[in-house]
């Protein structure tokens, strides 16, 4: 492992993802500020936060548990992006980068979890 969770590519991508979600939701209807906008932002922030928190834990088992939470938050985010599209809040090109980053984070989390279990 690196000297810090900040060295992890998965954490770096998760932070990028969170920033993109904030940009994306800035154009959502103001009526969604406490609804889907809030849920998307919280889920995206949770991904990077859980990666960092797990990194700081004492055991590999705890680290894996928090990486699992990060995976769950990423799946939650993917679902909320689909709901946002279904409701017509966003479509097409604006979704491409968040969806790609989410897929990258998913692959990187799975790879890190496999490595830690080995």
N, C-alpha and C. Protein backbone atom coordinates (compact mmCIF):
# COMPACT_ATOMS: atom_id res chain seq x y z
N UNK A 1 0.84 -1.19 0.00
CA UNK A 1 0.00 0.00 0.00
C UNK A 1 0.88 1.24 0.00
N UNK A 2 0.32 2.31 -0.51
CA UNK A 2 1.03 3.58 -0.53
C UNK A 2 1.07 4.20 0.84
N UNK A 3 1.66 5.37 0.90
CA UNK A 3 1.80 6.08 2.16
C UNK A 3 0.48 6.69 2.62
N UNK A 4 -0.45 6.85 1.69
CA UNK A 4 -1.72 7.50 2.01
C UNK A 4 -2.82 6.97 1.10
N UNK A 5 -4.04 7.07 1.56
CA UNK A 5 -5.18 6.71 0.71
C UNK A 5 -5.22 7.61 -0.52
N UNK A 6 -4.63 8.79 -0.41
CA UNK A 6 -4.61 9.72 -1.54
C UNK A 6 -3.79 9.19 -2.71
N UNK A 7 -2.94 8.20 -2.45
CA UNK A 7 -2.14 7.59 -3.51
C UNK A 7 -2.92 6.55 -4.31
N UNK A 8 -4.06 6.14 -3.81
CA UNK A 8 -4.86 5.11 -4.48
C UNK A 8 -5.59 5.69 -5.69
N UNK A 9 -5.40 5.07 -6.84
CA UNK A 9 -6.08 5.51 -8.06
C UNK A 9 -7.59 5.43 -7.87
N UNK A 10 -8.07 4.41 -7.19
CA UNK A 10 -9.51 4.27 -6.99
C UNK A 10 -10.07 5.44 -6.18
N UNK A 11 -9.35 5.90 -5.18
CA UNK A 11 -9.78 7.05 -4.40
C UNK A 11 -9.77 8.31 -5.27
N UNK A 12 -8.72 8.48 -6.06
CA UNK A 12 -8.62 9.65 -6.94
C UNK A 12 -9.78 9.70 -7.94
N UNK A 13 -10.11 8.54 -8.52
CA UNK A 13 -11.24 8.48 -9.46
C UNK A 13 -12.56 8.75 -8.74
N UNK A 14 -12.67 8.26 -7.52
CA UNK A 14 -13.90 8.48 -6.76
C UNK A 14 -14.09 9.97 -6.46
N UNK A 15 -13.01 10.67 -6.18
CA UNK A 15 -13.09 12.11 -5.95
C UNK A 15 -13.49 12.82 -7.24
N UNK A 16 -12.91 12.41 -8.37
CA UNK A 16 -13.30 12.97 -9.67
C UNK A 16 -14.79 12.73 -9.92
N UNK A 17 -15.24 11.52 -9.62
CA UNK A 17 -16.64 11.17 -9.81
C UNK A 17 -17.54 12.08 -8.98
N UNK A 18 -17.17 12.29 -7.74
CA UNK A 18 -17.96 13.15 -6.86
C UNK A 18 -18.05 14.58 -7.43
N UNK A 19 -16.93 15.09 -7.90
CA UNK A 19 -16.93 16.44 -8.48
C UNK A 19 -17.84 16.51 -9.71
N UNK A 20 -17.81 15.47 -10.54
CA UNK A 20 -18.67 15.43 -11.72
C UNK A 20 -20.15 15.35 -11.35
N UNK A 21 -20.45 14.61 -10.31
CA UNK A 21 -21.84 14.51 -9.85
C UNK A 21 -22.33 15.87 -9.35
N UNK A 22 -21.48 16.59 -8.64
CA UNK A 22 -21.86 17.92 -8.18
C UNK A 22 -22.12 18.84 -9.37
N UNK A 23 -21.26 18.78 -10.39
CA UNK A 23 -21.47 19.59 -11.59
C UNK A 23 -22.77 19.21 -12.29
N UNK A 24 -22.98 17.91 -12.42
CA UNK A 24 -24.17 17.40 -13.11
C UNK A 24 -25.45 17.85 -12.41
N UNK A 25 -25.49 17.73 -11.10
CA UNK A 25 -26.72 18.02 -10.36
C UNK A 25 -26.97 19.51 -10.19
N UNK A 26 -25.99 20.34 -10.51
CA UNK A 26 -26.18 21.79 -10.42
C UNK A 26 -27.29 22.25 -11.36
N UNK A 27 -27.54 21.49 -12.41
CA UNK A 27 -28.57 21.87 -13.37
C UNK A 27 -29.93 21.19 -13.10
N UNK A 28 -30.01 20.41 -12.05
CA UNK A 28 -31.27 19.75 -11.71
C UNK A 28 -32.28 20.79 -11.23
N UNK A 29 -33.56 20.46 -11.32
CA UNK A 29 -34.59 21.40 -10.83
C UNK A 29 -34.39 21.71 -9.35
N UNK A 30 -34.67 22.95 -8.98
CA UNK A 30 -34.50 23.34 -7.57
C UNK A 30 -35.42 22.53 -6.65
N UNK A 31 -36.51 22.02 -7.19
CA UNK A 31 -37.42 21.18 -6.39
C UNK A 31 -36.76 19.87 -5.97
N UNK A 32 -35.67 19.50 -6.62
CA UNK A 32 -34.96 18.27 -6.30
C UNK A 32 -33.77 18.49 -5.36
N UNK A 33 -33.59 19.71 -4.89
CA UNK A 33 -32.43 20.02 -4.04
C UNK A 33 -32.35 19.10 -2.83
N UNK A 34 -33.48 18.78 -2.23
CA UNK A 34 -33.49 17.91 -1.05
C UNK A 34 -33.88 16.48 -1.40
N UNK A 35 -34.05 16.22 -2.67
CA UNK A 35 -34.41 14.88 -3.13
C UNK A 35 -33.24 14.22 -3.84
N UNK A 36 -33.41 14.02 -5.12
CA UNK A 36 -32.43 13.28 -5.90
C UNK A 36 -31.06 13.97 -5.94
N UNK A 37 -31.04 15.28 -6.01
CA UNK A 37 -29.76 16.00 -6.00
C UNK A 37 -28.97 15.65 -4.75
N UNK A 38 -29.63 15.73 -3.61
CA UNK A 38 -28.97 15.42 -2.34
C UNK A 38 -28.52 13.97 -2.28
N UNK A 39 -29.36 13.06 -2.74
CA UNK A 39 -29.01 11.64 -2.71
C UNK A 39 -27.81 11.33 -3.60
N UNK A 40 -27.80 11.91 -4.80
CA UNK A 40 -26.67 11.69 -5.71
C UNK A 40 -25.37 12.23 -5.10
N UNK A 41 -25.43 13.40 -4.54
CA UNK A 41 -24.23 14.01 -3.96
C UNK A 41 -23.73 13.22 -2.75
N UNK A 42 -24.65 12.79 -1.91
CA UNK A 42 -24.24 12.02 -0.72
C UNK A 42 -23.64 10.67 -1.11
N UNK A 43 -24.26 9.99 -2.08
CA UNK A 43 -23.75 8.69 -2.51
C UNK A 43 -22.36 8.85 -3.12
N UNK A 44 -22.18 9.87 -3.94
CA UNK A 44 -20.87 10.05 -4.59
C UNK A 44 -19.79 10.41 -3.57
N UNK A 45 -20.12 11.23 -2.60
CA UNK A 45 -19.14 11.57 -1.56
C UNK A 45 -18.83 10.37 -0.68
N UNK A 46 -19.81 9.51 -0.49
CA UNK A 46 -19.64 8.33 0.33
C UNK A 46 -18.63 7.34 -0.25
N UNK A 47 -18.54 7.29 -1.55
CA UNK A 47 -17.61 6.34 -2.20
C UNK A 47 -16.18 6.65 -1.78
N UNK A 48 -15.73 7.87 -2.04
CA UNK A 48 -14.35 8.25 -1.69
C UNK A 48 -14.14 8.22 -0.18
N UNK A 49 -15.15 8.64 0.57
CA UNK A 49 -15.03 8.66 2.03
C UNK A 49 -14.85 7.27 2.61
N UNK A 50 -15.60 6.29 2.11
CA UNK A 50 -15.47 4.93 2.61
C UNK A 50 -14.13 4.30 2.22
N UNK A 51 -13.63 4.62 1.05
CA UNK A 51 -12.30 4.13 0.66
C UNK A 51 -11.26 4.68 1.64
N UNK A 52 -11.33 5.96 1.92
CA UNK A 52 -10.38 6.58 2.85
C UNK A 52 -10.52 6.03 4.27
N UNK A 53 -11.75 5.90 4.73
CA UNK A 53 -11.96 5.41 6.09
C UNK A 53 -11.46 3.97 6.23
N UNK A 54 -11.76 3.15 5.24
CA UNK A 54 -11.28 1.77 5.29
C UNK A 54 -9.77 1.69 5.31
N UNK A 55 -9.13 2.53 4.52
CA UNK A 55 -7.66 2.57 4.48
C UNK A 55 -7.09 2.86 5.87
N UNK A 56 -7.78 3.69 6.62
CA UNK A 56 -7.29 4.08 7.94
C UNK A 56 -7.62 3.09 9.05
N UNK A 57 -8.31 2.03 8.75
CA UNK A 57 -8.68 1.04 9.76
C UNK A 57 -7.51 0.13 10.09
N UNK A 58 -7.66 -0.63 11.15
CA UNK A 58 -6.57 -1.44 11.70
C UNK A 58 -6.34 -2.76 10.99
N UNK A 59 -7.39 -3.34 10.41
CA UNK A 59 -7.24 -4.67 9.85
C UNK A 59 -7.69 -4.71 8.38
N UNK A 60 -7.22 -5.73 7.68
CA UNK A 60 -7.63 -5.94 6.29
C UNK A 60 -9.14 -6.19 6.23
N UNK A 61 -9.66 -6.94 7.20
CA UNK A 61 -11.10 -7.22 7.23
C UNK A 61 -11.93 -5.95 7.31
N UNK A 62 -11.50 -5.02 8.16
CA UNK A 62 -12.22 -3.74 8.27
C UNK A 62 -12.10 -2.95 6.97
N UNK A 63 -10.91 -2.96 6.39
CA UNK A 63 -10.69 -2.27 5.12
C UNK A 63 -11.62 -2.82 4.05
N UNK A 64 -11.70 -4.15 3.96
CA UNK A 64 -12.59 -4.78 2.99
C UNK A 64 -14.05 -4.40 3.23
N UNK A 65 -14.43 -4.32 4.50
CA UNK A 65 -15.80 -3.95 4.83
C UNK A 65 -16.12 -2.55 4.29
N UNK A 66 -15.22 -1.61 4.48
CA UNK A 66 -15.46 -0.25 4.00
C UNK A 66 -15.38 -0.17 2.47
N UNK A 67 -14.54 -0.97 1.86
CA UNK A 67 -14.53 -1.02 0.40
C UNK A 67 -15.86 -1.57 -0.11
N UNK A 68 -16.43 -2.51 0.63
CA UNK A 68 -17.76 -3.01 0.29
C UNK A 68 -18.82 -1.92 0.39
N UNK A 69 -18.70 -1.08 1.41
CA UNK A 69 -19.62 0.06 1.54
C UNK A 69 -19.46 1.00 0.35
N UNK A 70 -18.22 1.21 -0.07
CA UNK A 70 -17.95 2.08 -1.23
C UNK A 70 -18.59 1.49 -2.49
N UNK A 71 -18.48 0.18 -2.65
CA UNK A 71 -19.13 -0.48 -3.81
C UNK A 71 -20.63 -0.29 -3.76
N UNK A 72 -21.20 -0.44 -2.58
CA UNK A 72 -22.64 -0.25 -2.43
C UNK A 72 -23.06 1.17 -2.77
N UNK A 73 -22.29 2.14 -2.32
CA UNK A 73 -22.60 3.53 -2.63
C UNK A 73 -22.47 3.80 -4.12
N UNK A 74 -21.51 3.16 -4.77
CA UNK A 74 -21.34 3.32 -6.21
C UNK A 74 -22.55 2.73 -6.95
N UNK A 75 -23.02 1.58 -6.52
CA UNK A 75 -24.23 1.00 -7.13
C UNK A 75 -25.44 1.89 -6.90
N UNK A 76 -25.53 2.46 -5.71
CA UNK A 76 -26.61 3.40 -5.40
C UNK A 76 -26.54 4.60 -6.36
N UNK A 77 -25.35 5.12 -6.55
CA UNK A 77 -25.15 6.24 -7.46
C UNK A 77 -25.55 5.89 -8.88
N UNK A 78 -25.15 4.72 -9.35
CA UNK A 78 -25.50 4.29 -10.71
C UNK A 78 -27.02 4.23 -10.87
N UNK A 79 -27.69 3.72 -9.87
CA UNK A 79 -29.15 3.64 -9.90
C UNK A 79 -29.78 5.03 -9.93
N UNK A 80 -29.25 5.94 -9.13
CA UNK A 80 -29.79 7.29 -9.09
C UNK A 80 -29.54 8.04 -10.40
N UNK A 81 -28.43 7.75 -11.07
CA UNK A 81 -28.19 8.35 -12.38
C UNK A 81 -29.24 7.87 -13.39
N UNK A 82 -29.57 6.59 -13.31
CA UNK A 82 -30.60 6.04 -14.20
C UNK A 82 -31.95 6.68 -13.91
N UNK A 83 -32.27 6.83 -12.63
CA UNK A 83 -33.53 7.47 -12.25
C UNK A 83 -33.56 8.92 -12.75
N UNK A 84 -32.46 9.62 -12.62
CA UNK A 84 -32.37 11.01 -13.09
C UNK A 84 -32.63 11.09 -14.59
N UNK A 85 -32.09 10.13 -15.31
CA UNK A 85 -32.29 10.09 -16.76
C UNK A 85 -33.75 9.75 -17.07
N UNK A 86 -34.30 8.79 -16.37
CA UNK A 86 -35.68 8.38 -16.58
C UNK A 86 -36.66 9.53 -16.32
N UNK A 87 -36.35 10.34 -15.32
CA UNK A 87 -37.21 11.48 -15.00
C UNK A 87 -36.98 12.68 -15.92
N UNK A 88 -35.98 12.58 -16.79
CA UNK A 88 -35.71 13.65 -17.74
C UNK A 88 -34.90 14.80 -17.19
N UNK A 89 -34.24 14.60 -16.05
CA UNK A 89 -33.41 15.66 -15.48
C UNK A 89 -32.10 15.82 -16.24
N UNK A 90 -31.66 14.73 -16.88
CA UNK A 90 -30.38 14.74 -17.59
C UNK A 90 -30.42 13.63 -18.63
N UNK A 91 -29.68 13.84 -19.71
CA UNK A 91 -29.56 12.78 -20.71
C UNK A 91 -28.35 13.05 -21.58
N UNK A 92 -27.95 12.02 -22.32
CA UNK A 92 -26.90 12.15 -23.31
C UNK A 92 -25.52 12.44 -22.76
N UNK A 93 -24.85 13.38 -23.41
CA UNK A 93 -23.44 13.66 -23.13
C UNK A 93 -23.12 13.99 -21.67
N UNK A 94 -23.94 14.79 -20.97
CA UNK A 94 -23.59 15.09 -19.56
C UNK A 94 -23.47 13.86 -18.67
N UNK A 95 -24.13 12.77 -19.06
CA UNK A 95 -24.07 11.54 -18.26
C UNK A 95 -22.83 10.71 -18.55
N UNK A 96 -22.21 10.92 -19.70
CA UNK A 96 -21.11 10.04 -20.13
C UNK A 96 -19.96 9.98 -19.14
N UNK A 97 -19.45 11.13 -18.70
CA UNK A 97 -18.29 11.14 -17.81
C UNK A 97 -18.63 10.54 -16.44
N UNK A 98 -19.71 10.94 -15.79
CA UNK A 98 -20.03 10.30 -14.50
C UNK A 98 -20.23 8.79 -14.62
N UNK A 99 -20.89 8.35 -15.69
CA UNK A 99 -21.10 6.91 -15.87
C UNK A 99 -19.78 6.18 -16.10
N UNK A 100 -18.89 6.78 -16.89
CA UNK A 100 -17.58 6.15 -17.14
C UNK A 100 -16.74 6.10 -15.87
N UNK A 101 -16.72 7.20 -15.12
CA UNK A 101 -15.97 7.22 -13.86
C UNK A 101 -16.53 6.21 -12.87
N UNK A 102 -17.84 6.09 -12.81
CA UNK A 102 -18.46 5.12 -11.90
C UNK A 102 -18.06 3.70 -12.29
N UNK A 103 -18.06 3.42 -13.58
CA UNK A 103 -17.64 2.08 -14.04
C UNK A 103 -16.17 1.84 -13.71
N UNK A 104 -15.33 2.86 -13.87
CA UNK A 104 -13.90 2.73 -13.52
C UNK A 104 -13.74 2.45 -12.03
N UNK A 105 -14.46 3.20 -11.22
CA UNK A 105 -14.38 3.02 -9.77
C UNK A 105 -14.82 1.60 -9.40
N UNK A 106 -15.85 1.12 -10.04
CA UNK A 106 -16.33 -0.24 -9.76
C UNK A 106 -15.24 -1.27 -10.06
N UNK A 107 -14.65 -1.17 -11.24
CA UNK A 107 -13.58 -2.11 -11.61
C UNK A 107 -12.38 -2.02 -10.66
N UNK A 108 -12.00 -0.80 -10.31
CA UNK A 108 -10.85 -0.61 -9.43
C UNK A 108 -11.13 -1.13 -8.02
N UNK A 109 -12.35 -0.92 -7.53
CA UNK A 109 -12.70 -1.44 -6.21
C UNK A 109 -12.64 -2.97 -6.18
N UNK A 110 -13.19 -3.59 -7.21
CA UNK A 110 -13.17 -5.05 -7.29
C UNK A 110 -11.73 -5.56 -7.32
N UNK A 111 -10.89 -4.91 -8.10
CA UNK A 111 -9.49 -5.32 -8.19
C UNK A 111 -8.78 -5.15 -6.85
N UNK A 112 -9.01 -4.04 -6.17
CA UNK A 112 -8.38 -3.81 -4.87
C UNK A 112 -8.86 -4.83 -3.85
N UNK A 113 -10.14 -5.13 -3.86
CA UNK A 113 -10.67 -6.11 -2.91
C UNK A 113 -10.07 -7.50 -3.17
N UNK A 114 -9.94 -7.88 -4.42
CA UNK A 114 -9.31 -9.16 -4.76
C UNK A 114 -7.87 -9.21 -4.27
N UNK A 115 -7.14 -8.11 -4.48
CA UNK A 115 -5.75 -8.04 -4.05
C UNK A 115 -5.63 -8.18 -2.53
N UNK A 116 -6.51 -7.51 -1.82
CA UNK A 116 -6.45 -7.57 -0.35
C UNK A 116 -6.83 -8.96 0.17
N UNK A 117 -7.70 -9.65 -0.53
CA UNK A 117 -8.10 -10.99 -0.10
C UNK A 117 -7.02 -12.05 -0.39
N UNK A 118 -6.16 -11.77 -1.34
CA UNK A 118 -5.13 -12.75 -1.74
C UNK A 118 -4.05 -12.92 -0.69
